[in-house]
PDB file of N, CA and C in Angstrom:
ATOM      1  N   UNK A   1    -182.666 223.001  84.999  1.00  0.00           N
ATOM      2  CA  UNK A   1    -181.680 222.556  84.026  1.00  0.00           C
ATOM      3  C   UNK A   1    -181.792 223.479  82.821  1.00  0.00           C
ATOM      4  N   UNK A   2    -180.689 224.122  82.470  1.00  0.00           N
ATOM      5  CA  UNK A   2    -180.688 224.994  81.316  1.00  0.00           C
ATOM      6  C   UNK A   2    -180.632 224.215  80.017  1.00  0.00           C
ATOM      7  N   UNK A   3    -181.285 224.764  79.015  1.00  0.00           N
ATOM      8  CA  UNK A   3    -181.293 224.095  77.714  1.00  0.00           C
ATOM      9  C   UNK A   3    -179.902 223.991  77.111  1.00  0.00           C
ATOM     10  N   UNK A   4    -179.058 225.022  77.283  1.00  0.00           N
ATOM     11  CA  UNK A   4    -177.713 224.985  76.715  1.00  0.00           C
ATOM     12  C   UNK A   4    -176.877 223.868  77.350  1.00  0.00           C
ATOM     13  N   UNK A   5    -176.935 223.755  78.660  1.00  0.00           N
ATOM     14  CA  UNK A   5    -176.186 222.705  79.355  1.00  0.00           C
ATOM     15  C   UNK A   5    -176.670 221.322  78.942  1.00  0.00           C
ATOM     16  N   UNK A   6    -177.991 221.178  78.876  1.00  0.00           N
ATOM     17  CA  UNK A   6    -178.542 219.878  78.484  1.00  0.00           C
ATOM     18  C   UNK A   6    -178.127 219.529  77.059  1.00  0.00           C
ATOM     19  N   UNK A   7    -178.120 220.513  76.155  1.00  0.00           N
ATOM     20  CA  UNK A   7    -177.729 220.259  74.770  1.00  0.00           C
ATOM     21  C   UNK A   7    -176.281 219.785  74.692  1.00  0.00           C
ATOM     22  N   UNK A   8    -175.405 220.356  75.514  1.00  0.00           N
ATOM     23  CA  UNK A   8    -174.001 219.931  75.528  1.00  0.00           C
ATOM     24  C   UNK A   8    -173.898 218.484  76.003  1.00  0.00           C
ATOM     25  N   UNK A   9    -174.648 218.129  77.029  1.00  0.00           N
ATOM     26  CA  UNK A   9    -174.631 216.752  77.544  1.00  0.00           C
ATOM     27  C   UNK A   9    -175.156 215.787  76.480  1.00  0.00           C
ATOM     28  N   UNK A  10    -176.242 216.141  75.828  1.00  0.00           N
ATOM     29  CA  UNK A  10    -176.795 215.293  74.766  1.00  0.00           C
ATOM     30  C   UNK A  10    -175.790 215.154  73.629  1.00  0.00           C
ATOM     31  N   UNK A  11    -175.134 216.258  73.269  1.00  0.00           N
ATOM     32  CA  UNK A  11    -174.120 216.212  72.203  1.00  0.00           C
ATOM     33  C   UNK A  11    -172.952 215.310  72.604  1.00  0.00           C
ATOM     34  N   UNK A  12    -172.533 215.386  73.870  1.00  0.00           N
ATOM     35  CA  UNK A  12    -171.443 214.530  74.353  1.00  0.00           C
ATOM     36  C   UNK A  12    -171.818 213.060  74.242  1.00  0.00           C
ATOM     37  N   UNK A  13    -172.997 212.668  74.781  1.00  0.00           N
ATOM     38  CA  UNK A  13    -173.376 211.261  74.770  1.00  0.00           C
ATOM     39  C   UNK A  13    -173.683 210.760  73.365  1.00  0.00           C
ATOM     40  N   UNK A  14    -174.184 211.630  72.504  1.00  0.00           N
ATOM     41  CA  UNK A  14    -174.388 211.260  71.104  1.00  0.00           C
ATOM     42  C   UNK A  14    -173.037 210.977  70.446  1.00  0.00           C
ATOM     43  N   UNK A  15    -172.026 211.765  70.791  1.00  0.00           N
ATOM     44  CA  UNK A  15    -170.670 211.546  70.262  1.00  0.00           C
ATOM     45  C   UNK A  15    -170.080 210.246  70.789  1.00  0.00           C
ATOM     46  N   UNK A  16    -170.337 209.949  72.066  1.00  0.00           N
ATOM     47  CA  UNK A  16    -169.871 208.679  72.632  1.00  0.00           C
ATOM     48  C   UNK A  16    -170.549 207.518  71.916  1.00  0.00           C
ATOM     49  N   UNK A  17    -171.841 207.641  71.712  1.00  0.00           N
ATOM     50  CA  UNK A  17    -172.603 206.567  71.063  1.00  0.00           C
ATOM     51  C   UNK A  17    -172.090 206.289  69.654  1.00  0.00           C
ATOM     52  N   UNK A  18    -171.696 207.339  68.938  1.00  0.00           N
ATOM     53  CA  UNK A  18    -171.200 207.168  67.562  1.00  0.00           C
ATOM     54  C   UNK A  18    -169.683 207.035  67.494  1.00  0.00           C
ATOM     55  N   UNK A  19    -169.018 207.000  68.657  1.00  0.00           N
ATOM     56  CA  UNK A  19    -167.555 206.871  68.756  1.00  0.00           C
ATOM     57  C   UNK A  19    -166.817 207.992  68.014  1.00  0.00           C
ATOM     58  N   UNK A  20    -167.339 209.209  68.103  1.00  0.00           N
ATOM     59  CA  UNK A  20    -166.707 210.385  67.506  1.00  0.00           C
ATOM     60  C   UNK A  20    -165.676 210.925  68.494  1.00  0.00           C
ATOM     61  N   UNK A  21    -164.473 210.340  68.473  1.00  0.00           N
ATOM     62  CA  UNK A  21    -163.444 210.653  69.461  1.00  0.00           C
ATOM     63  C   UNK A  21    -163.018 212.118  69.428  1.00  0.00           C
ATOM     64  N   UNK A  22    -162.978 212.704  68.259  1.00  0.00           N
ATOM     65  CA  UNK A  22    -162.586 214.115  68.150  1.00  0.00           C
ATOM     66  C   UNK A  22    -163.597 214.999  68.887  1.00  0.00           C
ATOM     67  N   UNK A  23    -164.868 214.768  68.660  1.00  0.00           N
ATOM     68  CA  UNK A  23    -165.915 215.561  69.305  1.00  0.00           C
ATOM     69  C   UNK A  23    -165.935 215.313  70.810  1.00  0.00           C
ATOM     70  N   UNK A  24    -165.736 214.075  71.221  1.00  0.00           N
ATOM     71  CA  UNK A  24    -165.685 213.753  72.647  1.00  0.00           C
ATOM     72  C   UNK A  24    -164.574 214.551  73.310  1.00  0.00           C
ATOM     73  N   UNK A  25    -163.404 214.590  72.683  1.00  0.00           N
ATOM     74  CA  UNK A  25    -162.278 215.343  73.230  1.00  0.00           C
ATOM     75  C   UNK A  25    -162.551 216.828  73.312  1.00  0.00           C
ATOM     76  N   UNK A  26    -163.327 217.353  72.380  1.00  0.00           N
ATOM     77  CA  UNK A  26    -163.677 218.772  72.400  1.00  0.00           C
ATOM     78  C   UNK A  26    -164.673 219.093  73.513  1.00  0.00           C
ATOM     79  N   UNK A  27    -165.561 218.174  73.805  1.00  0.00           N
ATOM     80  CA  UNK A  27    -166.628 218.431  74.772  1.00  0.00           C
ATOM     81  C   UNK A  27    -166.251 218.105  76.210  1.00  0.00           C
ATOM     82  N   UNK A  28    -165.276 217.237  76.418  1.00  0.00           N
ATOM     83  CA  UNK A  28    -164.873 216.827  77.764  1.00  0.00           C
ATOM     84  C   UNK A  28    -163.693 217.697  78.212  1.00  0.00           C
ATOM     85  N   UNK A  29    -163.890 218.490  79.251  1.00  0.00           N
ATOM     86  CA  UNK A  29    -162.834 219.399  79.695  1.00  0.00           C
ATOM     87  C   UNK A  29    -161.623 218.626  80.206  1.00  0.00           C
ATOM     88  N   UNK A  30    -160.451 219.248  80.107  1.00  0.00           N
ATOM     89  CA  UNK A  30    -159.209 218.609  80.537  1.00  0.00           C
ATOM     90  C   UNK A  30    -159.221 218.293  82.032  1.00  0.00           C
ATOM     91  N   UNK A  31    -159.892 219.141  82.835  1.00  0.00           N
ATOM     92  CA  UNK A  31    -159.896 218.963  84.292  1.00  0.00           C
ATOM     93  C   UNK A  31    -161.217 218.394  84.810  1.00  0.00           C
ATOM     94  N   UNK A  32    -161.863 217.562  83.993  1.00  0.00           N
ATOM     95  CA  UNK A  32    -163.135 216.954  84.374  1.00  0.00           C
ATOM     96  C   UNK A  32    -162.974 216.137  85.660  1.00  0.00           C
ATOM     97  N   UNK A  33    -164.013 216.120  86.462  1.00  0.00           N
ATOM     98  CA  UNK A  33    -164.114 215.200  87.598  1.00  0.00           C
ATOM     99  C   UNK A  33    -165.245 214.240  87.283  1.00  0.00           C
ATOM    100  N   UNK A  34    -164.908 212.967  87.093  1.00  0.00           N
ATOM    101  CA  UNK A  34    -165.854 211.942  86.657  1.00  0.00           C
ATOM    102  C   UNK A  34    -165.943 210.894  87.753  1.00  0.00           C
ATOM    103  N   UNK A  35    -167.116 210.685  88.304  1.00  0.00           N
ATOM    104  CA  UNK A  35    -167.313 209.683  89.337  1.00  0.00           C
ATOM    105  C   UNK A  35    -167.965 208.458  88.712  1.00  0.00           C
ATOM    106  N   UNK A  36    -167.204 207.381  88.616  1.00  0.00           N
ATOM    107  CA  UNK A  36    -167.703 206.132  88.024  1.00  0.00           C
ATOM    108  C   UNK A  36    -168.177 205.237  89.164  1.00  0.00           C
ATOM    109  N   UNK A  37    -169.479 204.955  89.231  1.00  0.00           N
ATOM    110  CA  UNK A  37    -170.004 204.178  90.360  1.00  0.00           C
ATOM    111  C   UNK A  37    -169.563 202.720  90.315  1.00  0.00           C
ATOM    112  N   UNK A  38    -169.709 202.088  91.455  1.00  0.00           N
ATOM    113  CA  UNK A  38    -169.434 200.658  91.556  1.00  0.00           C
ATOM    114  C   UNK A  38    -168.227 200.376  92.418  1.00  0.00           C
ATOM    115  N   UNK A  39    -167.947 199.089  92.554  1.00  0.00           N
ATOM    116  CA  UNK A  39    -166.781 198.612  93.293  1.00  0.00           C
ATOM    117  C   UNK A  39    -166.091 197.609  92.384  1.00  0.00           C
ATOM    118  N   UNK A  40    -165.258 198.116  91.475  1.00  0.00           N
ATOM    119  CA  UNK A  40    -164.570 197.265  90.524  1.00  0.00           C
ATOM    120  C   UNK A  40    -163.330 197.990  90.004  1.00  0.00           C
ATOM    121  N   UNK A  41    -162.646 197.419  89.050  1.00  0.00           N
ATOM    122  CA  UNK A  41    -161.370 197.973  88.592  1.00  0.00           C
ATOM    123  C   UNK A  41    -161.506 199.303  87.854  1.00  0.00           C
ATOM    124  N   UNK A  42    -162.701 199.661  87.412  1.00  0.00           N
ATOM    125  CA  UNK A  42    -162.858 200.940  86.705  1.00  0.00           C
ATOM    126  C   UNK A  42    -163.615 201.980  87.517  1.00  0.00           C
ATOM    127  N   UNK A  43    -164.163 201.610  88.655  1.00  0.00           N
ATOM    128  CA  UNK A  43    -164.955 202.558  89.438  1.00  0.00           C
ATOM    129  C   UNK A  43    -164.044 203.536  90.178  1.00  0.00           C
ATOM    130  N   UNK A  44    -164.647 204.619  90.617  1.00  0.00           N
ATOM    131  CA  UNK A  44    -163.931 205.626  91.383  1.00  0.00           C
ATOM    132  C   UNK A  44    -163.898 206.971  90.681  1.00  0.00           C
ATOM    133  N   UNK A  45    -163.244 207.923  91.321  1.00  0.00           N
ATOM    134  CA  UNK A  45    -163.158 209.288  90.812  1.00  0.00           C
ATOM    135  C   UNK A  45    -162.014 209.424  89.811  1.00  0.00           C
ATOM    136  N   UNK A  46    -162.329 209.958  88.653  1.00  0.00           N
ATOM    137  CA  UNK A  46    -161.334 210.272  87.622  1.00  0.00           C
ATOM    138  C   UNK A  46    -161.225 211.792  87.593  1.00  0.00           C
ATOM    139  N   UNK A  47    -160.006 212.327  87.669  1.00  0.00           N
ATOM    140  CA  UNK A  47    -159.800 213.766  87.855  1.00  0.00           C
ATOM    141  C   UNK A  47    -159.197 214.463  86.650  1.00  0.00           C
ATOM    142  N   UNK A  48    -159.308 213.866  85.477  1.00  0.00           N
ATOM    143  CA  UNK A  48    -158.813 214.512  84.257  1.00  0.00           C
ATOM    144  C   UNK A  48    -159.393 213.798  83.037  1.00  0.00           C
ATOM    145  N   UNK A  49    -159.329 214.492  81.914  1.00  0.00           N
ATOM    146  CA  UNK A  49    -159.758 213.885  80.654  1.00  0.00           C
ATOM    147  C   UNK A  49    -158.937 212.627  80.384  1.00  0.00           C
ATOM    148  N   UNK A  50    -157.645 212.690  80.671  1.00  0.00           N
ATOM    149  CA  UNK A  50    -156.766 211.545  80.440  1.00  0.00           C
ATOM    150  C   UNK A  50    -157.195 210.336  81.275  1.00  0.00           C
ATOM    151  N   UNK A  51    -157.557 210.556  82.523  1.00  0.00           N
ATOM    152  CA  UNK A  51    -158.009 209.446  83.373  1.00  0.00           C
ATOM    153  C   UNK A  51    -159.334 208.866  82.871  1.00  0.00           C
ATOM    154  N   UNK A  52    -160.236 209.713  82.399  1.00  0.00           N
ATOM    155  CA  UNK A  52    -161.511 209.230  81.854  1.00  0.00           C
ATOM    156  C   UNK A  52    -161.251 208.388  80.606  1.00  0.00           C
ATOM    157  N   UNK A  53    -160.396 208.884  79.707  1.00  0.00           N
ATOM    158  CA  UNK A  53    -160.078 208.123  78.505  1.00  0.00           C
ATOM    159  C   UNK A  53    -159.393 206.797  78.870  1.00  0.00           C
ATOM    160  N   UNK A  54    -158.560 206.790  79.901  1.00  0.00           N
ATOM    161  CA  UNK A  54    -157.937 205.551  80.363  1.00  0.00           C
ATOM    162  C   UNK A  54    -158.963 204.559  80.878  1.00  0.00           C
ATOM    163  N   UNK A  55    -159.962 205.064  81.618  1.00  0.00           N
ATOM    164  CA  UNK A  55    -161.027 204.208  82.129  1.00  0.00           C
ATOM    165  C   UNK A  55    -161.817 203.593  80.966  1.00  0.00           C
ATOM    166  N   UNK A  56    -162.171 204.419  80.007  1.00  0.00           N
ATOM    167  CA  UNK A  56    -162.939 203.928  78.860  1.00  0.00           C
ATOM    168  C   UNK A  56    -162.110 202.925  78.053  1.00  0.00           C
ATOM    169  N   UNK A  57    -160.821 203.196  77.900  1.00  0.00           N
ATOM    170  CA  UNK A  57    -159.939 202.247  77.221  1.00  0.00           C
ATOM    171  C   UNK A  57    -159.936 200.899  77.919  1.00  0.00           C
ATOM    172  N   UNK A  58    -159.918 200.922  79.249  1.00  0.00           N
ATOM    173  CA  UNK A  58    -159.965 199.678  80.025  1.00  0.00           C
ATOM    174  C   UNK A  58    -161.302 198.969  79.821  1.00  0.00           C
ATOM    175  N   UNK A  59    -162.387 199.731  79.730  1.00  0.00           N
ATOM    176  CA  UNK A  59    -163.698 199.131  79.488  1.00  0.00           C
ATOM    177  C   UNK A  59    -163.728 198.427  78.131  1.00  0.00           C
ATOM    178  N   UNK A  60    -163.129 199.061  77.121  1.00  0.00           N
ATOM    179  CA  UNK A  60    -163.062 198.426  75.802  1.00  0.00           C
ATOM    180  C   UNK A  60    -162.165 197.190  75.848  1.00  0.00           C
ATOM    181  N   UNK A  61    -161.056 197.273  76.582  1.00  0.00           N
ATOM    182  CA  UNK A  61    -160.152 196.123  76.700  1.00  0.00           C
ATOM    183  C   UNK A  61    -160.864 194.933  77.347  1.00  0.00           C
ATOM    184  N   UNK A  62    -161.555 195.174  78.441  1.00  0.00           N
ATOM    185  CA  UNK A  62    -162.258 194.112  79.163  1.00  0.00           C
ATOM    186  C   UNK A  62    -163.324 193.461  78.281  1.00  0.00           C
ATOM    187  N   UNK A  63    -163.963 194.260  77.424  1.00  0.00           N
ATOM    188  CA  UNK A  63    -165.061 193.750  76.589  1.00  0.00           C
ATOM    189  C   UNK A  63    -164.588 193.255  75.223  1.00  0.00           C
ATOM    190  N   UNK A  64    -163.284 193.132  75.026  1.00  0.00           N
ATOM    191  CA  UNK A  64    -162.740 192.751  73.713  1.00  0.00           C
ATOM    192  C   UNK A  64    -163.265 193.669  72.605  1.00  0.00           C
ATOM    193  N   UNK A  65    -163.298 194.967  72.921  1.00  0.00           N
ATOM    194  CA  UNK A  65    -163.735 196.014  71.983  1.00  0.00           C
ATOM    195  C   UNK A  65    -165.173 195.851  71.507  1.00  0.00           C
ATOM    196  N   UNK A  66    -166.030 195.253  72.343  1.00  0.00           N
ATOM    197  CA  UNK A  66    -167.441 195.106  71.966  1.00  0.00           C
ATOM    198  C   UNK A  66    -168.349 196.077  72.719  1.00  0.00           C
ATOM    199  N   UNK A  67    -167.778 196.904  73.575  1.00  0.00           N
ATOM    200  CA  UNK A  67    -168.565 197.854  74.362  1.00  0.00           C
ATOM    201  C   UNK A  67    -169.290 198.838  73.450  1.00  0.00           C
ATOM    202  N   UNK A  68    -170.557 199.068  73.745  1.00  0.00           N
ATOM    203  CA  UNK A  68    -171.352 199.999  72.938  1.00  0.00           C
ATOM    204  C   UNK A  68    -172.370 200.695  73.833  1.00  0.00           C
ATOM    205  N   UNK A  69    -172.431 202.019  73.717  1.00  0.00           N
ATOM    206  CA  UNK A  69    -173.470 202.775  74.402  1.00  0.00           C
ATOM    207  C   UNK A  69    -174.746 202.678  73.572  1.00  0.00           C
ATOM    208  N   UNK A  70    -175.785 202.094  74.157  1.00  0.00           N
ATOM    209  CA  UNK A  70    -177.053 201.921  73.434  1.00  0.00           C
ATOM    210  C   UNK A  70    -178.024 203.062  73.680  1.00  0.00           C
ATOM    211  N   UNK A  71    -178.012 203.607  74.884  1.00  0.00           N
ATOM    212  CA  UNK A  71    -178.981 204.654  75.208  1.00  0.00           C
ATOM    213  C   UNK A  71    -178.496 205.470  76.392  1.00  0.00           C
ATOM    214  N   UNK A  72    -178.955 206.706  76.440  1.00  0.00           N
ATOM    215  CA  UNK A  72    -178.732 207.560  77.603  1.00  0.00           C
ATOM    216  C   UNK A  72    -180.020 208.328  77.847  1.00  0.00           C
ATOM    217  N   UNK A  73    -180.351 208.486  79.136  1.00  0.00           N
ATOM    218  CA  UNK A  73    -181.558 209.238  79.485  1.00  0.00           C
ATOM    219  C   UNK A  73    -181.463 209.699  80.925  1.00  0.00           C
ATOM    220  N   UNK A  74    -182.535 210.233  81.433  1.00  0.00           N
ATOM    221  CA  UNK A  74    -182.588 210.747  82.803  1.00  0.00           C
ATOM    222  C   UNK A  74    -181.438 211.713  83.080  1.00  0.00           C
ATOM    223  N   UNK A  75    -181.259 212.663  82.200  1.00  0.00           N
ATOM    224  CA  UNK A  75    -180.188 213.647  82.365  1.00  0.00           C
ATOM    225  C   UNK A  75    -180.603 214.649  83.430  1.00  0.00           C
ATOM    226  N   UNK A  76    -179.770 214.773  84.453  1.00  0.00           N
ATOM    227  CA  UNK A  76    -180.018 215.720  85.537  1.00  0.00           C
ATOM    228  C   UNK A  76    -178.805 216.625  85.669  1.00  0.00           C
ATOM    229  N   UNK A  77    -179.028 217.930  85.646  1.00  0.00           N
ATOM    230  CA  UNK A  77    -177.938 218.903  85.740  1.00  0.00           C
ATOM    231  C   UNK A  77    -178.203 219.809  86.931  1.00  0.00           C
ATOM    232  N   UNK A  78    -177.170 219.981  87.759  1.00  0.00           N
ATOM    233  CA  UNK A  78    -177.256 220.879  88.901  1.00  0.00           C
ATOM    234  C   UNK A  78    -175.954 221.654  88.954  1.00  0.00           C
ATOM    235  N   UNK A  79    -175.984 222.922  88.562  1.00  0.00           N
ATOM    236  CA  UNK A  79    -174.749 223.714  88.502  1.00  0.00           C
ATOM    237  C   UNK A  79    -173.826 223.136  87.450  1.00  0.00           C
ATOM    238  N   UNK A  80    -172.628 222.751  87.880  1.00  0.00           N
ATOM    239  CA  UNK A  80    -171.673 222.157  86.938  1.00  0.00           C
ATOM    240  C   UNK A  80    -171.580 220.638  87.096  1.00  0.00           C
ATOM    241  N   UNK A  81    -172.592 220.036  87.711  1.00  0.00           N
ATOM    242  CA  UNK A  81    -172.618 218.590  87.883  1.00  0.00           C
ATOM    243  C   UNK A  81    -173.720 217.986  87.022  1.00  0.00           C
ATOM    244  N   UNK A  82    -173.425 216.816  86.452  1.00  0.00           N
ATOM    245  CA  UNK A  82    -174.365 216.126  85.577  1.00  0.00           C
ATOM    246  C   UNK A  82    -174.457 214.668  86.016  1.00  0.00           C
ATOM    247  N   UNK A  83    -175.667 214.149  86.012  1.00  0.00           N
ATOM    248  CA  UNK A  83    -175.879 212.718  86.238  1.00  0.00           C
ATOM    249  C   UNK A  83    -176.747 212.194  85.095  1.00  0.00           C
ATOM    250  N   UNK A  84    -176.381 211.022  84.576  1.00  0.00           N
ATOM    251  CA  UNK A  84    -177.128 210.418  83.467  1.00  0.00           C
ATOM    252  C   UNK A  84    -177.260 208.920  83.717  1.00  0.00           C
ATOM    253  N   UNK A  85    -178.351 208.392  83.267  1.00  0.00           N
ATOM    254  CA  UNK A  85    -178.550 206.939  83.267  1.00  0.00           C
ATOM    255  C   UNK A  85    -178.111 206.434  81.896  1.00  0.00           C
ATOM    256  N   UNK A  86    -177.140 205.542  81.889  1.00  0.00           N
ATOM    257  CA  UNK A  86    -176.574 205.018  80.637  1.00  0.00           C
ATOM    258  C   UNK A  86    -176.875 203.536  80.507  1.00  0.00           C
ATOM    259  N   UNK A  87    -177.082 203.090  79.276  1.00  0.00           N
ATOM    260  CA  UNK A  87    -177.273 201.662  79.013  1.00  0.00           C
ATOM    261  C   UNK A  87    -176.187 201.208  78.052  1.00  0.00           C
ATOM    262  N   UNK A  88    -175.262 200.413  78.570  1.00  0.00           N
ATOM    263  CA  UNK A  88    -174.148 199.881  77.791  1.00  0.00           C
ATOM    264  C   UNK A  88    -174.387 198.398  77.524  1.00  0.00           C
ATOM    265  N   UNK A  89    -173.850 197.908  76.417  1.00  0.00           N
ATOM    266  CA  UNK A  89    -173.824 196.468  76.158  1.00  0.00           C
ATOM    267  C   UNK A  89    -172.417 196.073  75.732  1.00  0.00           C
ATOM    268  N   UNK A  90    -172.116 194.812  75.921  1.00  0.00           N
ATOM    269  CA  UNK A  90    -170.850 194.216  75.474  1.00  0.00           C
ATOM    270  C   UNK A  90    -171.073 192.726  75.328  1.00  0.00           C
ATOM    271  N   UNK A  91    -170.266 192.128  74.490  1.00  0.00           N
ATOM    272  CA  UNK A  91    -170.388 190.677  74.297  1.00  0.00           C
ATOM    273  C   UNK A  91    -169.282 189.948  75.008  1.00  0.00           C
TER     274      UNK A  91
END
């Protein structure tokens, strides 16, 4: 895992945690492929920045805008793929 790639991932999740939408938009490529695990209304492959933002919007809607990223760790990078363990809370 390269330090530059890891720093970008840390910067992205730090921006998500602080809800810095401008920075998130700068760091998330327009043609991102995002695989959201699970079997529910938000899971599945998202193939653009717009689809990812739509998924996150749905997560906020479901949680009555109480969704919050509390922590991220276990960052694994392989080529242009990233996996992270995230801890979210909502009321």
